[in-house]
């Protein structure tokens, strides 16, 4: 699976954190907020999920950050060192102290296209995968759910893109560009032809067939003037993706110029958060 630009992950992190839906997050906290907990973070990127969730979990935590991109894992080490109140470790493993919690962190470079569910995930109490499953294909997702169910893990999957984007003020080409962008989202991302906006629904269906209970809620980004840099990055990303398709709108450069000029108007990006809990939990 292709890596992401660390600067993009850093830019989106504050909006990701404030957008997490209350329902799945509160149930997660109620389940894992007290006792020691082990967490496997798939597609961990810069370690954003750890920074969001660690304050809601117990005082003793063990995390394994799993990503196919060693450069992102290196960036995660730097970000976590800066985030923690105190740090011990050589970089391969870290022992963080944050707000009274002790957090042991391991880093695992693993190509998830080859191994749907690494052993570190099977051994964890909780599996986390943030902004991840819209990149996966049907066959990959089905195999992942089979492994998840075999291990009887709980899965927290926030910020799955649902296909909705809007900006203010409106432009005549907004819908055409969105359609082209969503078509691109369904292309190969390294885990088979991606499900894109259909991922959250399909993930819940496959897990439900294994007896899992789904707690789902919308978690849209709501962007304002203070988020202009993120809005600009979204616009450029949409235009770049749409331009790769044969049916890209002819006036795409004009749309991009308009949207960049109006970026202070903000907008919204739709996501879904899912907490999937195994039978009997």
Foldseek 3Di string as FASTA:
>chain_A
DDADDLVLVVLCLVLQLVLWDDFLLVVVLVVFAADEFEEEEEQCFLVSVCVNCVVSGYQHYEYEYEHQDVVRLQNNLVVQCVQAPDWDDDSQWIWGHHPNHTYIYHYHNDQCLVPVADPSRLPGQEYEYECPQQQADDVSLLVNLVSCLVSQHKYKYWFQFQLDWDFPPDDPCPVVLSVLLQVLSQCHPSRHRGNHNCRVVSNVVSNVVSVKDKDKDKRKRFDALVSLVSQLVVLVVSLVSSVVDPPRDPCSVVVSVVSNVRSNRTIMTIIMIIIIGHPPD
